[in-house]
Amino acid sequence: MLNCKQTSQLVSQSLDRRLTWQERFAVKVHLWICKYCRRFSRQLLAVRSGLQRMTQSVEENTDLQMPSESKARIAKVLESELK
């Protein structure tokens, strides 16, 4: 059976990749018995959902523009890294 550290790592990894069926089963068993990991899992999903909503609202907002100073600094850094 997984411990809390292993479970939290797998829950986090599940946001980036599909877990194997064995991993999913082990996580579900652990979440069934551990209220702290269940809470962590719910919090992680809430953060992800909030970031997705925030990203979507920023992408849809046409009033947001990057200052020209920021663009110049980015261009300078990219230019120096390409050399």
PDB file of N, CA and C in Angstrom:
ATOM      1  N   MET A   1       0.831  -1.176   0.000  1.00  0.00           N
ATOM      2  CA  MET A   1       0.000   0.000   0.000  1.00  0.00           C
ATOM      3  C   MET A   1       0.882   1.249   0.000  1.00  0.00           C
ATOM      4  N   LEU A   2       0.392   2.298  -0.656  1.00  0.00           N
ATOM      5  CA  LEU A   2       1.143   3.545  -0.747  1.00  0.00           C
ATOM      6  C   LEU A   2       1.114   4.298   0.572  1.00  0.00           C
ATOM      7  N   ASN A   3       2.190   5.047   0.836  1.00  0.00           N
ATOM      8  CA  ASN A   3       2.160   5.959   1.973  1.00  0.00           C
ATOM      9  C   ASN A   3       1.719   7.338   1.464  1.00  0.00           C
ATOM     10  N   CYS A   4       1.597   8.291   2.357  1.00  0.00           N
ATOM     11  CA  CYS A   4       1.086   9.618   1.984  1.00  0.00           C
ATOM     12  C   CYS A   4       2.006  10.331   0.986  1.00  0.00           C
ATOM     13  N   LYS A   5       3.300  10.214   1.164  1.00  0.00           N
ATOM     14  CA  LYS A   5       4.238  10.876   0.254  1.00  0.00           C
ATOM     15  C   LYS A   5       4.099  10.313  -1.158  1.00  0.00           C
ATOM     16  N   GLN A   6       4.051   9.001  -1.280  1.00  0.00           N
ATOM     17  CA  GLN A   6       3.900   8.378  -2.596  1.00  0.00           C
ATOM     18  C   GLN A   6       2.570   8.766  -3.235  1.00  0.00           C
ATOM     19  N   THR A   7       1.530   8.788  -2.416  1.00  0.00           N
ATOM     20  CA  THR A   7       0.208   9.141  -2.934  1.00  0.00           C
ATOM     21  C   THR A   7       0.186  10.575  -3.428  1.00  0.00           C
ATOM     22  N   SER A   8       0.735  11.493  -2.646  1.00  0.00           N
ATOM     23  CA  SER A   8       0.730  12.897  -3.065  1.00  0.00           C
ATOM     24  C   SER A   8       1.544  13.087  -4.344  1.00  0.00           C
ATOM     25  N   GLN A   9       2.635  12.353  -4.489  1.00  0.00           N
ATOM     26  CA  GLN A   9       3.425  12.440  -5.718  1.00  0.00           C
ATOM     27  C   GLN A   9       2.630  11.930  -6.913  1.00  0.00           C
ATOM     28  N   LEU A  10       1.934  10.825  -6.731  1.00  0.00           N
ATOM     29  CA  LEU A  10       1.140  10.278  -7.839  1.00  0.00           C
ATOM     30  C   LEU A  10      -0.044  11.175  -8.176  1.00  0.00           C
ATOM     31  N   VAL A  11      -0.672  11.745  -7.163  1.00  0.00           N
ATOM     32  CA  VAL A  11      -1.785  12.667  -7.415  1.00  0.00           C
ATOM     33  C   VAL A  11      -1.269  13.857  -8.229  1.00  0.00           C
ATOM     34  N   SER A  12      -0.113  14.367  -7.865  1.00  0.00           N
ATOM     35  CA  SER A  12       0.489  15.476  -8.605  1.00  0.00           C
ATOM     36  C   SER A  12       0.848  15.052 -10.027  1.00  0.00           C
ATOM     37  N   GLN A  13       1.440  13.884 -10.178  1.00  0.00           N
ATOM     38  CA  GLN A  13       1.805  13.390 -11.512  1.00  0.00           C
ATOM     39  C   GLN A  13       0.583  13.164 -12.387  1.00  0.00           C
ATOM     40  N   SER A  14      -0.536  12.834 -11.764  1.00  0.00           N
ATOM     41  CA  SER A  14      -1.741  12.560 -12.541  1.00  0.00           C
ATOM     42  C   SER A  14      -2.235  13.787 -13.288  1.00  0.00           C
ATOM     43  N   LEU A  15      -1.773  14.967 -12.889  1.00  0.00           N
ATOM     44  CA  LEU A  15      -2.130  16.184 -13.613  1.00  0.00           C
ATOM     45  C   LEU A  15      -1.347  16.304 -14.912  1.00  0.00           C
ATOM     46  N   ASP A  16      -0.216  15.628 -14.992  1.00  0.00           N
ATOM     47  CA  ASP A  16       0.658  15.726 -16.159  1.00  0.00           C
ATOM     48  C   ASP A  16       0.637  14.495 -17.057  1.00  0.00           C
ATOM     49  N   ARG A  17       0.256  13.373 -16.502  1.00  0.00           N
ATOM     50  CA  ARG A  17       0.252  12.144 -17.292  1.00  0.00           C
ATOM     51  C   ARG A  17      -0.848  11.216 -16.781  1.00  0.00           C
ATOM     52  N   ARG A  18      -1.230  10.277 -17.610  1.00  0.00           N
ATOM     53  CA  ARG A  18      -2.219   9.286 -17.193  1.00  0.00           C
ATOM     54  C   ARG A  18      -1.496   8.216 -16.378  1.00  0.00           C
ATOM     55  N   LEU A  19      -1.989   7.980 -15.178  1.00  0.00           N
ATOM     56  CA  LEU A  19      -1.405   6.953 -14.329  1.00  0.00           C
ATOM     57  C   LEU A  19      -1.774   5.573 -14.856  1.00  0.00           C
ATOM     58  N   THR A  20      -0.939   4.601 -14.561  1.00  0.00           N
ATOM     59  CA  THR A  20      -1.262   3.220 -14.930  1.00  0.00           C
ATOM     60  C   THR A  20      -2.463   2.779 -14.098  1.00  0.00           C
ATOM     61  N   TRP A  21      -3.086   1.703 -14.495  1.00  0.00           N
ATOM     62  CA  TRP A  21      -4.257   1.248 -13.728  1.00  0.00           C
ATOM     63  C   TRP A  21      -3.849   0.826 -12.321  1.00  0.00           C
ATOM     64  N   GLN A  22      -2.637   0.294 -12.177  1.00  0.00           N
ATOM     65  CA  GLN A  22      -2.167  -0.091 -10.846  1.00  0.00           C
ATOM     66  C   GLN A  22      -1.979   1.142  -9.958  1.00  0.00           C
ATOM     67  N   GLU A  23      -1.402   2.180 -10.532  1.00  0.00           N
ATOM     68  CA  GLU A  23      -1.207   3.416  -9.782  1.00  0.00           C
ATOM     69  C   GLU A  23      -2.550   4.040  -9.400  1.00  0.00           C
ATOM     70  N   ARG A  24      -3.476   4.087 -10.360  1.00  0.00           N
ATOM     71  CA  ARG A  24      -4.798   4.648 -10.077  1.00  0.00           C
ATOM     72  C   ARG A  24      -5.498   3.877  -8.966  1.00  0.00           C
ATOM     73  N   PHE A  25      -5.414   2.557  -9.016  1.00  0.00           N
ATOM     74  CA  PHE A  25      -6.045   1.734  -8.000  1.00  0.00           C
ATOM     75  C   PHE A  25      -5.423   1.988  -6.623  1.00  0.00           C
ATOM     76  N   ALA A  26      -4.093   2.031  -6.584  1.00  0.00           N
ATOM     77  CA  ALA A  26      -3.400   2.257  -5.317  1.00  0.00           C
ATOM     78  C   ALA A  26      -3.741   3.637  -4.743  1.00  0.00           C
ATOM     79  N   VAL A  27      -3.815   4.635  -5.604  1.00  0.00           N
ATOM     80  CA  VAL A  27      -4.173   5.982  -5.147  1.00  0.00           C
ATOM     81  C   VAL A  27      -5.601   5.990  -4.610  1.00  0.00           C
ATOM     82  N   LYS A  28      -6.528   5.353  -5.328  1.00  0.00           N
ATOM     83  CA  LYS A  28      -7.922   5.324  -4.879  1.00  0.00           C
ATOM     84  C   LYS A  28      -8.052   4.643  -3.521  1.00  0.00           C
ATOM     85  N   VAL A  29      -7.339   3.556  -3.328  1.00  0.00           N
ATOM     86  CA  VAL A  29      -7.390   2.858  -2.041  1.00  0.00           C
ATOM     87  C   VAL A  29      -6.872   3.763  -0.944  1.00  0.00           C
ATOM     88  N   HIS A  30      -5.750   4.414  -1.203  1.00  0.00           N
ATOM     89  CA  HIS A  30      -5.180   5.288  -0.185  1.00  0.00           C
ATOM     90  C   HIS A  30      -6.116   6.466   0.105  1.00  0.00           C
ATOM     91  N   LEU A  31      -6.669   7.075  -0.952  1.00  0.00           N
ATOM     92  CA  LEU A  31      -7.574   8.209  -0.747  1.00  0.00           C
ATOM     93  C   LEU A  31      -8.822   7.786   0.019  1.00  0.00           C
ATOM     94  N   TRP A  32      -9.217   6.550  -0.143  1.00  0.00           N
ATOM     95  CA  TRP A  32     -10.392   6.043   0.548  1.00  0.00           C
ATOM     96  C   TRP A  32     -10.171   6.021   2.064  1.00  0.00           C
ATOM     97  N   ILE A  33      -8.927   5.766   2.475  1.00  0.00           N
ATOM     98  CA  ILE A  33      -8.672   5.634   3.912  1.00  0.00           C
ATOM     99  C   ILE A  33      -7.985   6.859   4.532  1.00  0.00           C
ATOM    100  N   CYS A  34      -7.463   7.765   3.719  1.00  0.00           N
ATOM    101  CA  CYS A  34      -6.683   8.895   4.260  1.00  0.00           C
ATOM    102  C   CYS A  34      -7.353  10.226   3.936  1.00  0.00           C
ATOM    103  N   LYS A  35      -7.935  10.847   4.956  1.00  0.00           N
ATOM    104  CA  LYS A  35      -8.635  12.115   4.726  1.00  0.00           C
ATOM    105  C   LYS A  35      -7.674  13.251   4.372  1.00  0.00           C
ATOM    106  N   TYR A  36      -6.435  13.169   4.821  1.00  0.00           N
ATOM    107  CA  TYR A  36      -5.470  14.226   4.534  1.00  0.00           C
ATOM    108  C   TYR A  36      -5.066  14.220   3.053  1.00  0.00           C
ATOM    109  N   CYS A  37      -4.861  13.051   2.510  1.00  0.00           N
ATOM    110  CA  CYS A  37      -4.527  12.952   1.085  1.00  0.00           C
ATOM    111  C   CYS A  37      -5.733  13.280   0.217  1.00  0.00           C
ATOM    112  N   ARG A  38      -6.936  12.931   0.688  1.00  0.00           N
ATOM    113  CA  ARG A  38      -8.151  13.319  -0.045  1.00  0.00           C
ATOM    114  C   ARG A  38      -8.235  14.835  -0.113  1.00  0.00           C
ATOM    115  N   ARG A  39      -7.954  15.480   1.014  1.00  0.00           N
ATOM    116  CA  ARG A  39      -7.983  16.942   1.061  1.00  0.00           C
ATOM    117  C   ARG A  39      -6.926  17.523   0.124  1.00  0.00           C
ATOM    118  N   PHE A  40      -5.722  16.967   0.149  1.00  0.00           N
ATOM    119  CA  PHE A  40      -4.652  17.436  -0.734  1.00  0.00           C
ATOM    120  C   PHE A  40      -5.073  17.292  -2.199  1.00  0.00           C
ATOM    121  N   SER A  41      -5.656  16.159  -2.537  1.00  0.00           N
ATOM    122  CA  SER A  41      -6.086  15.907  -3.909  1.00  0.00           C
ATOM    123  C   SER A  41      -7.139  16.931  -4.338  1.00  0.00           C
ATOM    124  N   ARG A  42      -8.117  17.185  -3.488  1.00  0.00           N
ATOM    125  CA  ARG A  42      -9.156  18.174  -3.809  1.00  0.00           C
ATOM    126  C   ARG A  42      -8.557  19.571  -3.955  1.00  0.00           C
ATOM    127  N   GLN A  43      -7.623  19.922  -3.071  1.00  0.00           N
ATOM    128  CA  GLN A  43      -6.990  21.239  -3.143  1.00  0.00           C
ATOM    129  C   GLN A  43      -6.188  21.397  -4.432  1.00  0.00           C
ATOM    130  N   LEU A  44      -5.465  20.352  -4.798  1.00  0.00           N
ATOM    131  CA  LEU A  44      -4.664  20.398  -6.021  1.00  0.00           C
ATOM    132  C   LEU A  44      -5.558  20.571  -7.245  1.00  0.00           C
ATOM    133  N   LEU A  45      -6.660  19.862  -7.281  1.00  0.00           N
ATOM    134  CA  LEU A  45      -7.605  19.998  -8.395  1.00  0.00           C
ATOM    135  C   LEU A  45      -8.245  21.389  -8.408  1.00  0.00           C
ATOM    136  N   ALA A  46      -8.517  21.953  -7.229  1.00  0.00           N
ATOM    137  CA  ALA A  46      -9.089  23.296  -7.157  1.00  0.00           C
ATOM    138  C   ALA A  46      -8.099  24.338  -7.672  1.00  0.00           C
ATOM    139  N   VAL A  47      -6.831  24.195  -7.309  1.00  0.00           N
ATOM    140  CA  VAL A  47      -5.797  25.117  -7.798  1.00  0.00           C
ATOM    141  C   VAL A  47      -5.688  25.018  -9.315  1.00  0.00           C
ATOM    142  N   ARG A  48      -5.678  23.801  -9.824  1.00  0.00           N
ATOM    143  CA  ARG A  48      -5.586  23.603 -11.275  1.00  0.00           C
ATOM    144  C   ARG A  48      -6.770  24.243 -11.987  1.00  0.00           C
ATOM    145  N   SER A  49      -7.951  24.034 -11.457  1.00  0.00           N
ATOM    146  CA  SER A  49      -9.160  24.591 -12.055  1.00  0.00           C
ATOM    147  C   SER A  49      -9.114  26.119 -12.028  1.00  0.00           C
ATOM    148  N   GLY A  50      -8.702  26.685 -10.907  1.00  0.00           N
ATOM    149  CA  GLY A  50      -8.599  28.135 -10.802  1.00  0.00           C
ATOM    150  C   GLY A  50      -7.590  28.717 -11.769  1.00  0.00           C
ATOM    151  N   LEU A  51      -6.460  28.055 -11.911  1.00  0.00           N
ATOM    152  CA  LEU A  51      -5.439  28.531 -12.860  1.00  0.00           C
ATOM    153  C   LEU A  51      -5.930  28.446 -14.295  1.00  0.00           C
ATOM    154  N   GLN A  52      -6.676  27.398 -14.619  1.00  0.00           N
ATOM    155  CA  GLN A  52      -7.225  27.281 -15.965  1.00  0.00           C
ATOM    156  C   GLN A  52      -8.217  28.407 -16.252  1.00  0.00           C
ATOM    157  N   ARG A  53      -9.085  28.711 -15.265  1.00  0.00           N
ATOM    158  CA  ARG A  53     -10.053  29.809 -15.445  1.00  0.00           C
ATOM    159  C   ARG A  53      -9.331  31.142 -15.573  1.00  0.00           C
ATOM    160  N   MET A  54      -8.300  31.352 -14.744  1.00  0.00           N
ATOM    161  CA  MET A  54      -7.552  32.601 -14.789  1.00  0.00           C
ATOM    162  C   MET A  54      -6.845  32.754 -16.140  1.00  0.00           C
ATOM    163  N   THR A  55      -6.219  31.685 -16.596  1.00  0.00           N
ATOM    164  CA  THR A  55      -5.522  31.721 -17.881  1.00  0.00           C
ATOM    165  C   THR A  55      -6.489  32.041 -19.006  1.00  0.00           C
ATOM    166  N   GLN A  56      -7.648  31.411 -18.967  1.00  0.00           N
ATOM    167  CA  GLN A  56      -8.647  31.647 -20.006  1.00  0.00           C
ATOM    168  C   GLN A  56      -9.112  33.103 -19.989  1.00  0.00           C
ATOM    169  N   SER A  57      -9.337  33.671 -18.811  1.00  0.00           N
ATOM    170  CA  SER A  57      -9.806  35.059 -18.755  1.00  0.00           C
ATOM    171  C   SER A  57      -8.722  36.023 -19.226  1.00  0.00           C
ATOM    172  N   VAL A  58      -7.462  35.727 -18.918  1.00  0.00           N
ATOM    173  CA  VAL A  58      -6.365  36.584 -19.390  1.00  0.00           C
ATOM    174  C   VAL A  58      -6.244  36.496 -20.905  1.00  0.00           C
ATOM    175  N   GLU A  59      -6.353  35.297 -21.451  1.00  0.00           N
ATOM    176  CA  GLU A  59      -6.237  35.133 -22.901  1.00  0.00           C
ATOM    177  C   GLU A  59      -7.379  35.811 -23.643  1.00  0.00           C
ATOM    178  N   GLU A  60      -8.548  35.876 -23.017  1.00  0.00           N
ATOM    179  CA  GLU A  60      -9.710  36.487 -23.661  1.00  0.00           C
ATOM    180  C   GLU A  60      -9.744  38.001 -23.498  1.00  0.00           C
ATOM    181  N   ASN A  61      -8.949  38.557 -22.576  1.00  0.00           N
ATOM    182  CA  ASN A  61      -8.950  39.985 -22.302  1.00  0.00           C
ATOM    183  C   ASN A  61      -8.053  40.697 -23.302  1.00  0.00           C
ATOM    184  N   THR A  62      -8.670  41.436 -24.225  1.00  0.00           N
ATOM    185  CA  THR A  62      -7.901  42.123 -25.265  1.00  0.00           C
ATOM    186  C   THR A  62      -7.317  43.447 -24.768  1.00  0.00           C
ATOM    187  N   ASP A  63      -7.714  43.893 -23.571  1.00  0.00           N
ATOM    188  CA  ASP A  63      -7.194  45.146 -23.026  1.00  0.00           C
ATOM    189  C   ASP A  63      -5.802  44.985 -22.419  1.00  0.00           C
ATOM    190  N   LEU A  64      -5.388  43.750 -22.161  1.00  0.00           N
ATOM    191  CA  LEU A  64      -4.079  43.520 -21.564  1.00  0.00           C
ATOM    192  C   LEU A  64      -2.995  43.600 -22.626  1.00  0.00           C
ATOM    193  N   GLN A  65      -2.003  44.434 -22.354  1.00  0.00           N
ATOM    194  CA  GLN A  65      -0.880  44.568 -23.280  1.00  0.00           C
ATOM    195  C   GLN A  65       0.410  44.614 -22.479  1.00  0.00           C
ATOM    196  N   MET A  66       1.445  44.037 -23.055  1.00  0.00           N
ATOM    197  CA  MET A  66       2.743  44.034 -22.402  1.00  0.00           C
ATOM    198  C   MET A  66       3.422  45.386 -22.650  1.00  0.00           C
ATOM    199  N   PRO A  67       3.968  45.998 -21.592  1.00  0.00           N
ATOM    200  CA  PRO A  67       4.687  47.268 -21.779  1.00  0.00           C
ATOM    201  C   PRO A  67       5.872  47.092 -22.725  1.00  0.00           C
ATOM    202  N   SER A  68       6.174  48.140 -23.465  1.00  0.00           N
ATOM    203  CA  SER A  68       7.266  48.067 -24.444  1.00  0.00           C
ATOM    204  C   SER A  68       8.610  47.817 -23.772  1.00  0.00           C
ATOM    205  N   GLU A  69       8.783  48.289 -22.517  1.00  0.00           N
ATOM    206  CA  GLU A  69      10.032  48.034 -21.798  1.00  0.00           C
ATOM    207  C   GLU A  69      10.210  46.534 -21.548  1.00  0.00           C
ATOM    208  N   SER A  70       9.131  45.874 -21.215  1.00  0.00           N
ATOM    209  CA  SER A  70       9.190  44.428 -20.984  1.00  0.00           C
ATOM    210  C   SER A  70       9.535  43.696 -22.273  1.00  0.00           C
ATOM    211  N   LYS A  71       8.918  44.104 -23.355  1.00  0.00           N
ATOM    212  CA  LYS A  71       9.218  43.482 -24.647  1.00  0.00           C
ATOM    213  C   LYS A  71      10.695  43.656 -25.010  1.00  0.00           C
ATOM    214  N   ALA A  72      11.233  44.845 -24.750  1.00  0.00           N
ATOM    215  CA  ALA A  72      12.640  45.113 -25.053  1.00  0.00           C
ATOM    216  C   ALA A  72      13.568  44.240 -24.204  1.00  0.00           C
ATOM    217  N   ARG A  73      13.250  44.090 -22.898  1.00  0.00           N
ATOM    218  CA  ARG A  73      14.068  43.248 -22.030  1.00  0.00           C
ATOM    219  C   ARG A  73      14.041  41.795 -22.474  1.00  0.00           C
ATOM    220  N   ILE A  74      12.881  41.302 -22.846  1.00  0.00           N
ATOM    221  CA  ILE A  74      12.754  39.920 -23.313  1.00  0.00           C
ATOM    222  C   ILE A  74      13.553  39.733 -24.593  1.00  0.00           C
ATOM    223  N   ALA A  75      13.415  40.658 -25.505  1.00  0.00           N
ATOM    224  CA  ALA A  75      14.157  40.577 -26.774  1.00  0.00           C
ATOM    225  C   ALA A  75      15.660  40.588 -26.515  1.00  0.00           C
ATOM    226  N   LYS A  76      16.112  41.408 -25.589  1.00  0.00           N
ATOM    227  CA  LYS A  76      17.543  41.490 -25.277  1.00  0.00           C
ATOM    228  C   LYS A  76      18.044  40.168 -24.716  1.00  0.00           C
ATOM    229  N   VAL A  77      17.302  39.559 -23.804  1.00  0.00           N
ATOM    230  CA  VAL A  77      17.705  38.289 -23.215  1.00  0.00           C
ATOM    231  C   VAL A  77      17.728  37.200 -24.293  1.00  0.00           C
ATOM    232  N   LEU A  78      16.699  37.143 -25.118  1.00  0.00           N
ATOM    233  CA  LEU A  78      16.671  36.135 -26.172  1.00  0.00           C
ATOM    234  C   LEU A  78      17.827  36.319 -27.149  1.00  0.00           C
ATOM    235  N   GLU A  79      18.110  37.546 -27.469  1.00  0.00           N
ATOM    236  CA  GLU A  79      19.211  37.839 -28.385  1.00  0.00           C
ATOM    237  C   GLU A  79      20.541  37.385 -27.807  1.00  0.00           C
ATOM    238  N   SER A  80      20.762  37.642 -26.518  1.00  0.00           N
ATOM    239  CA  SER A  80      22.030  37.255 -25.890  1.00  0.00           C
ATOM    240  C   SER A  80      22.151  35.739 -25.770  1.00  0.00           C
ATOM    241  N   GLU A  81      21.039  35.030 -25.599  1.00  0.00           N
ATOM    242  CA  GLU A  81      21.081  33.579 -25.491  1.00  0.00           C
ATOM    243  C   GLU A  81      21.297  32.903 -26.840  1.00  0.00           C
ATOM    244  N   LEU A  82      20.948  33.548 -27.918  1.00  0.00           N
ATOM    245  CA  LEU A  82      21.133  32.975 -29.237  1.00  0.00           C
ATOM    246  C   LEU A  82      22.550  33.113 -29.748  1.00  0.00           C
ATOM    247  N   LYS A  83      23.324  33.957 -29.099  1.00  0.00           N
ATOM    248  CA  LYS A  83      24.716  34.163 -29.538  1.00  0.00           C
ATOM    249  C   LYS A  83      25.619  33.068 -29.051  1.00  0.00           C
TER     250      LYS A  83
END
